[in-house]
Amino acid sequence: MIDFFKRYWWLFLICVLFCSCASGQQEETSEISILNWNLETFFDAQTDGTEYTEFKGAKSKWSQAKYEARLKRLADTLKTIDADVVVMEELEKKEQLYDIFNMLSGSFDLAKSYKYGSFATSPGAAIGCAVISRFPLANIQAHEIHIEGEEQMPSMRPIMQMDVCVDGKSLALFVNHWKSKSGGAEKSEIWRNAQEENLSRLMKKALAENGSAIATGDFNRDISEFQRVDGDTIRLRGQEPLLVQSPWFSPGAGETGSYYYNDHWERIDHFFSCGNASISSFAPQTSGNWADSEGKPRRYTVYNGEGYSDHLPILCRVQF
């Protein structure tokens, strides 16, 4: 049995504690840019005990200097891409949002500063998800699932939900980091299916409330593994399936993926839009120091402190 419920585990909001979008709807179309990036085990230099093996212990090559260097690379990337909203997976803790803000503030145009942020994870988890935004964030929630059955449920990150408030309107944003395929793709499929059902239910509810929704994150599932209806439309599974649009089916978008593994591209990082939200442009970001000369992600290596992430950042512009 799948039980959907809300719990608030280390749910954190910077700069705004009580914020609501204006209720009056405007006829004009708003447009913002959203960047999604799995940062690949972005730990800080403090040992808390939940870090992955290569980031803790006497034999670890991880250090404060390497953290600061990696933090600067992240800030430089964010300044280069210049998105209105930045969604990040595999950040360790909420305090790192302050580090990111501070690294950006010294050399960033104040008019483009990120004044709002949120972080969520599960109890005892090594990593979580985060959002920083130039626009106010409201109604922030974290949704976890509980599954009862013969198979013991692994640790799974909650889906973050929030409203991005722009020009008196709100866009419901859902942040995902689904179960990986470690332990076997087929065996772990049940958990990704459960997360898909949860997302479908949450997005459908958000549409009824404000009419515009977009989901993003690392879904650990290639776009070809979703149920495609036609064109750019896929059906998210659930008791009441939800039709959403994926920009991976737009002309030219499928030539490069977001993750390069075993000598081939995978498209596992996504944007899904529905309702009044539509994606006007989309592309994996391959023109920067975070990618090599072939456009492949330069993964981070603790030993020498080089690289960025094993995922490419993906960027879209969404109208609503």
Protein backbone atom coordinates (compact mmCIF):
# COMPACT_ATOMS: atom_id res chain seq x y z
CA MET A 1 0.00 0.00 0.00
CA ILE A 2 1.25 3.46 -0.88
CA ASP A 3 0.48 6.17 1.64
CA PHE A 4 1.05 9.74 0.54
CA PHE A 5 1.62 12.32 3.22
CA LYS A 6 3.46 15.53 4.08
CA ARG A 7 6.30 15.84 6.53
CA TYR A 8 8.59 18.79 7.05
CA TRP A 9 12.15 17.57 7.44
CA TRP A 10 14.69 20.38 7.58
CA LEU A 11 12.50 22.45 5.31
CA PHE A 12 14.23 25.80 5.16
CA LEU A 13 13.47 29.17 3.64
CA ILE A 14 15.91 32.08 3.45
CA CYS A 15 14.89 35.76 3.52
CA VAL A 16 11.15 35.17 3.49
CA LEU A 17 9.21 33.28 6.15
CA PHE A 18 5.66 34.31 5.36
CA CYS A 19 5.01 35.07 1.72
CA SER A 20 1.96 34.70 -0.45
CA CYS A 21 1.47 35.46 -4.10
CA ALA A 22 -1.00 38.16 -4.96
CA SER A 23 -4.40 36.70 -5.65
CA GLY A 24 -5.26 38.93 -8.57
CA GLN A 25 -4.48 37.30 -11.88
CA GLN A 26 -3.07 39.36 -14.72
CA GLU A 27 -3.75 38.63 -18.34
CA GLU A 28 -0.17 39.33 -19.43
CA THR A 29 2.09 36.32 -19.85
CA SER A 30 5.04 36.09 -17.49
CA GLU A 31 8.29 34.36 -18.43
CA ILE A 32 11.18 33.22 -16.25
CA SER A 33 14.25 31.05 -16.73
CA ILE A 34 14.84 27.96 -14.59
CA LEU A 35 18.10 26.06 -14.27
CA ASN A 36 18.26 22.51 -12.93
CA TRP A 37 21.55 20.87 -11.98
CA ASN A 38 22.50 17.75 -10.09
CA LEU A 39 25.70 18.97 -8.41
CA GLU A 40 27.06 15.45 -7.69
CA THR A 41 27.71 14.95 -3.96
CA PHE A 42 28.27 18.61 -3.10
CA PHE A 43 29.36 18.27 0.55
CA ASP A 44 30.82 21.03 2.67
CA ALA A 45 34.07 20.60 4.62
CA GLN A 46 32.45 19.85 8.00
CA THR A 47 32.18 16.18 8.96
CA ASP A 48 28.69 15.28 10.19
CA GLY A 49 28.94 11.51 9.75
CA THR A 50 26.44 11.09 6.95
CA GLU A 51 28.87 11.99 4.16
CA TYR A 52 29.90 9.47 1.53
CA THR A 53 33.12 7.57 2.30
CA GLU A 54 35.41 9.60 0.06
CA PHE A 55 34.41 12.81 1.84
CA LYS A 56 35.24 11.80 5.41
CA GLY A 57 37.91 10.05 7.47
CA ALA A 58 41.65 10.39 7.85
CA LYS A 59 42.33 8.97 4.40
CA SER A 60 39.98 11.35 2.62
CA LYS A 61 41.44 13.88 0.21
CA TRP A 62 38.52 16.23 0.87
CA SER A 63 39.35 19.58 2.52
CA GLN A 64 38.13 23.08 3.23
CA ALA A 65 40.27 24.44 0.41
CA LYS A 66 38.73 22.01 -2.08
CA TYR A 67 35.23 22.89 -0.87
CA GLU A 68 35.87 26.61 -1.34
CA ALA A 69 37.33 26.02 -4.81
CA ARG A 70 34.32 23.93 -5.79
CA LEU A 71 31.97 26.53 -4.33
CA LYS A 72 33.61 29.22 -6.46
CA ARG A 73 33.18 27.10 -9.59
CA LEU A 74 29.50 26.69 -8.80
CA ALA A 75 29.08 30.44 -8.30
CA ASP A 76 30.92 31.20 -11.54
CA THR A 77 28.65 28.76 -13.39
CA LEU A 78 25.50 30.33 -11.96
CA LYS A 79 26.69 33.79 -12.96
CA THR A 80 27.47 32.56 -16.47
CA ILE A 81 24.12 30.86 -17.05
CA ASP A 82 22.20 33.65 -15.27
CA ALA A 83 18.87 31.90 -14.57
CA ASP A 84 16.07 33.45 -12.51
CA VAL A 85 15.49 30.27 -10.50
CA VAL A 86 18.16 27.65 -9.75
CA VAL A 87 17.21 24.13 -8.68
CA MET A 88 19.97 21.90 -7.27
CA GLU A 89 20.14 18.24 -6.33
CA GLU A 90 22.77 16.58 -4.11
CA LEU A 91 23.53 19.61 -1.95
CA GLU A 92 24.34 18.51 1.60
CA LYS A 93 22.70 21.04 3.91
CA LYS A 94 20.84 24.34 4.20
CA GLU A 95 23.90 26.26 5.43
CA GLN A 96 25.48 25.85 2.02
CA LEU A 97 22.87 28.20 0.59
CA TYR A 98 24.48 30.97 2.65
CA ASP A 99 27.87 29.98 1.24
CA ILE A 100 26.47 30.22 -2.29
CA PHE A 101 24.83 33.59 -1.60
CA ASN A 102 28.05 34.96 -0.11
CA MET A 103 30.16 33.70 -2.99
CA LEU A 104 27.80 35.34 -5.48
CA SER A 105 27.36 38.64 -3.65
CA GLY A 106 30.91 39.90 -4.04
CA SER A 107 30.87 40.11 -7.83
CA PHE A 108 27.24 39.72 -8.89
CA ASP A 109 24.87 42.41 -10.13
CA LEU A 110 22.64 43.19 -7.15
CA ALA A 111 19.66 43.52 -9.47
CA LYS A 112 20.15 39.85 -10.34
CA SER A 113 20.82 38.60 -6.82
CA TYR A 114 19.05 35.57 -5.40
CA LYS A 115 17.13 36.77 -2.35
CA TYR A 116 15.09 33.64 -1.65
CA GLY A 117 16.04 30.05 -1.00
CA SER A 118 14.77 26.74 0.29
CA PHE A 119 16.29 23.38 1.19
CA ALA A 120 14.77 20.02 2.06
CA THR A 121 16.01 16.54 2.86
CA SER A 122 14.99 13.47 4.86
CA PRO A 123 16.16 12.48 8.36
CA GLY A 124 19.63 10.98 8.27
CA ALA A 125 20.05 11.50 4.53
CA ALA A 126 23.45 12.53 3.18
CA ILE A 127 22.11 14.93 0.56
CA GLY A 128 19.01 16.94 -0.30
CA CYS A 129 17.55 19.38 -2.79
CA ALA A 130 17.63 23.18 -2.86
CA VAL A 131 16.19 26.16 -4.71
CA ILE A 132 17.44 29.74 -4.93
CA SER A 133 15.34 32.39 -6.64
CA ARG A 134 15.18 36.03 -7.64
CA PHE A 135 11.44 35.90 -7.08
CA PRO A 136 9.60 35.28 -3.80
CA LEU A 137 8.84 31.68 -2.87
CA ALA A 138 5.60 30.83 -1.10
CA ASN A 139 3.69 27.82 0.28
CA ILE A 140 6.82 25.69 0.60
CA GLN A 141 6.18 22.04 1.42
CA ALA A 142 7.98 18.70 1.37
CA HIS A 143 6.09 15.54 0.42
CA GLU A 144 7.28 12.06 1.33
CA ILE A 145 5.71 8.69 0.68
CA HIS A 146 5.44 5.57 2.77
CA ILE A 147 5.05 2.18 1.11
CA GLU A 148 4.00 -0.91 3.03
CA GLY A 149 4.75 -4.27 1.47
CA GLU A 150 7.12 -7.19 1.32
CA GLU A 151 9.94 -5.05 -0.05
CA GLN A 152 11.51 -2.71 2.48
CA MET A 153 11.29 0.86 1.25
CA PRO A 154 14.73 2.46 0.73
CA SER A 155 15.52 6.00 1.75
CA MET A 156 13.88 8.32 -0.79
CA ARG A 157 14.07 12.08 -0.96
CA PRO A 158 10.86 14.10 -0.61
CA ILE A 159 9.34 16.08 -3.47
CA MET A 160 9.68 19.79 -2.76
CA GLN A 161 6.74 22.00 -3.71
CA MET A 162 6.57 25.79 -3.75
CA ASP A 163 5.01 28.72 -5.59
CA VAL A 164 7.28 31.10 -7.49
CA CYS A 165 5.60 34.52 -7.33
CA VAL A 166 6.02 36.65 -10.45
CA ASP A 167 4.02 39.73 -11.50
CA GLY A 168 1.16 38.92 -9.15
CA LYS A 169 0.89 35.34 -10.42
CA SER A 170 2.24 32.05 -9.14
CA LEU A 171 3.92 29.11 -10.81
CA ALA A 172 3.82 25.84 -8.86
CA LEU A 173 7.33 24.36 -8.88
CA PHE A 174 8.08 20.73 -7.97
CA VAL A 175 11.64 19.57 -7.27
CA ASN A 176 12.45 15.88 -7.66
CA HIS A 177 15.34 13.52 -7.04
CA TRP A 178 13.97 10.05 -7.63
CA LYS A 179 15.42 6.71 -6.57
CA SER A 180 18.51 5.73 -8.52
CA LYS A 181 18.91 2.44 -10.40
CA SER A 182 21.58 1.18 -8.02
CA GLY A 183 20.83 -2.41 -7.08
CA GLY A 184 19.24 -3.03 -10.46
CA ALA A 185 17.00 -0.96 -12.72
CA GLU A 186 14.15 -3.47 -12.71
CA LYS A 187 14.20 -4.08 -8.97
CA SER A 188 14.23 -0.37 -8.13
CA GLU A 189 11.51 0.54 -10.65
CA ILE A 190 8.76 0.16 -8.05
CA TRP A 191 10.13 3.11 -6.09
CA ARG A 192 10.39 5.42 -9.10
CA ASN A 193 6.84 4.43 -10.07
CA ALA A 194 5.65 5.41 -6.60
CA GLN A 195 7.41 8.77 -6.87
CA GLU A 196 5.84 9.29 -10.29
CA GLU A 197 2.38 8.63 -8.87
CA ASN A 198 3.04 11.06 -6.04
CA LEU A 199 4.20 13.78 -8.44
CA SER A 200 1.15 13.27 -10.67
CA ARG A 201 -1.18 13.65 -7.71
CA LEU A 202 0.57 16.75 -6.40
CA MET A 203 0.74 18.50 -9.77
CA LYS A 204 -2.93 17.80 -10.46
CA LYS A 205 -3.87 19.37 -7.13
CA ALA A 206 -1.67 22.42 -7.83
CA LEU A 207 -3.29 22.90 -11.23
CA ALA A 208 -6.70 23.07 -9.61
CA GLU A 209 -5.41 25.81 -7.31
CA ASN A 210 -3.42 28.11 -9.59
CA GLY A 211 -3.46 26.65 -13.11
CA SER A 212 0.30 26.56 -13.83
CA ALA A 213 2.84 23.93 -12.78
CA ILE A 214 6.30 22.74 -13.71
CA ALA A 215 8.35 19.84 -12.34
CA THR A 216 12.10 19.49 -12.59
CA GLY A 217 14.99 17.54 -11.12
CA ASP A 218 16.94 14.33 -11.52
CA PHE A 219 14.38 11.59 -12.14
CA ASN A 220 16.91 8.78 -12.72
CA ARG A 221 14.69 7.73 -15.62
CA ASP A 222 15.32 8.49 -19.28
CA ILE A 223 12.55 10.30 -21.11
CA SER A 224 12.17 7.18 -23.31
CA GLU A 225 11.10 5.25 -20.19
CA PHE A 226 8.04 7.44 -19.61
CA GLN A 227 4.74 6.72 -21.36
CA ARG A 228 4.68 8.95 -24.43
CA VAL A 229 1.25 9.85 -25.78
CA ASP A 230 2.15 11.87 -28.86
CA GLY A 231 4.39 14.78 -29.81
CA ASP A 232 5.93 16.22 -26.66
CA THR A 233 3.23 14.84 -24.36
CA ILE A 234 3.79 12.10 -21.80
CA ARG A 235 1.41 10.57 -19.27
CA LEU A 236 2.47 10.48 -15.63
CA ARG A 237 1.10 7.35 -13.98
CA GLY A 238 -1.35 7.56 -11.09
CA GLN A 239 -4.93 6.90 -10.05
CA GLU A 240 -5.78 9.83 -12.30
CA PRO A 241 -2.92 10.05 -14.84
CA LEU A 242 -1.69 13.52 -15.71
CA LEU A 243 -0.61 14.69 -19.17
CA VAL A 244 2.51 16.87 -19.18
CA GLN A 245 4.85 18.22 -21.82
CA SER A 246 8.57 17.41 -22.08
CA PRO A 247 11.01 19.64 -24.01
CA TRP A 248 13.25 16.64 -24.71
CA PHE A 249 11.00 15.95 -27.70
CA SER A 250 11.49 19.42 -29.20
CA PRO A 251 13.62 19.64 -32.40
CA GLY A 252 17.35 19.25 -31.67
CA ALA A 253 16.94 18.73 -27.92
CA GLY A 254 17.60 15.01 -28.02
CA GLU A 255 21.05 15.20 -29.63
CA THR A 256 22.69 15.70 -26.24
CA GLY A 257 21.55 14.27 -22.93
CA SER A 258 22.09 15.51 -19.42
CA TYR A 259 24.13 12.55 -18.12
CA TYR A 260 26.85 10.59 -19.92
CA TYR A 261 27.28 6.99 -18.75
CA ASN A 262 28.90 3.92 -20.31
CA ASP A 263 29.70 5.85 -23.49
CA HIS A 264 26.19 7.02 -24.23
CA TRP A 265 23.91 9.92 -23.36
CA GLU A 266 21.00 9.60 -20.98
CA ARG A 267 18.18 12.14 -20.62
CA ILE A 268 17.34 11.68 -16.95
CA ASP A 269 17.10 15.32 -15.85
CA HIS A 270 13.78 16.84 -16.85
CA PHE A 271 11.32 19.69 -17.03
CA PHE A 272 7.64 18.73 -17.19
CA SER A 273 5.09 21.51 -17.74
CA CYS A 274 1.31 21.48 -17.63
CA GLY A 275 -1.71 23.74 -17.36
CA ASN A 276 -1.00 27.35 -18.34
CA ALA A 277 2.75 26.78 -18.09
CA SER A 278 4.61 26.17 -21.35
CA ILE A 279 8.32 25.83 -22.07
CA SER A 280 9.42 28.27 -24.76
CA SER A 281 13.08 27.17 -24.93
CA PHE A 282 15.20 24.37 -23.53
CA ALA A 283 18.76 23.07 -23.80
CA PRO A 284 21.41 21.18 -21.85
CA GLN A 285 24.20 23.66 -21.13
CA THR A 286 27.37 22.47 -22.89
CA SER A 287 29.26 25.73 -23.48
CA GLY A 288 31.20 26.26 -20.28
CA ASN A 289 34.03 24.97 -18.13
CA TRP A 290 31.64 22.43 -16.60
CA ALA A 291 31.69 20.52 -19.94
CA ASP A 292 34.61 19.18 -21.96
CA SER A 293 35.38 19.92 -25.61
CA GLU A 294 32.78 17.33 -26.69
CA GLY A 295 30.08 18.82 -24.47
CA LYS A 296 30.21 15.99 -21.94
CA PRO A 297 29.97 16.78 -18.22
CA ARG A 298 33.24 17.12 -16.34
CA ARG A 299 32.51 15.05 -13.26
CA TYR A 300 34.01 16.02 -9.92
CA THR A 301 36.96 14.03 -8.57
CA VAL A 302 37.79 14.33 -4.87
CA TYR A 303 41.35 13.08 -5.30
CA ASN A 304 42.58 16.01 -7.39
CA GLY A 305 39.76 18.46 -6.71
CA GLU A 306 39.02 18.92 -10.41
CA GLY A 307 35.75 18.93 -12.33
CA TYR A 308 32.20 20.04 -11.64
CA SER A 309 29.52 17.33 -11.83
CA ASP A 310 28.63 14.15 -13.69
CA HIS A 311 25.44 15.88 -14.88
CA LEU A 312 25.05 18.80 -17.24
CA PRO A 313 22.94 21.74 -16.10
CA ILE A 314 19.71 22.04 -18.09
CA LEU A 315 18.01 25.37 -18.70
CA CYS A 316 14.53 26.32 -19.83
CA ARG A 317 12.37 29.40 -20.19
CA VAL A 318 8.81 28.89 -19.02
CA GLN A 319 5.82 31.08 -19.77
CA PHE A 320 2.68 31.16 -17.63
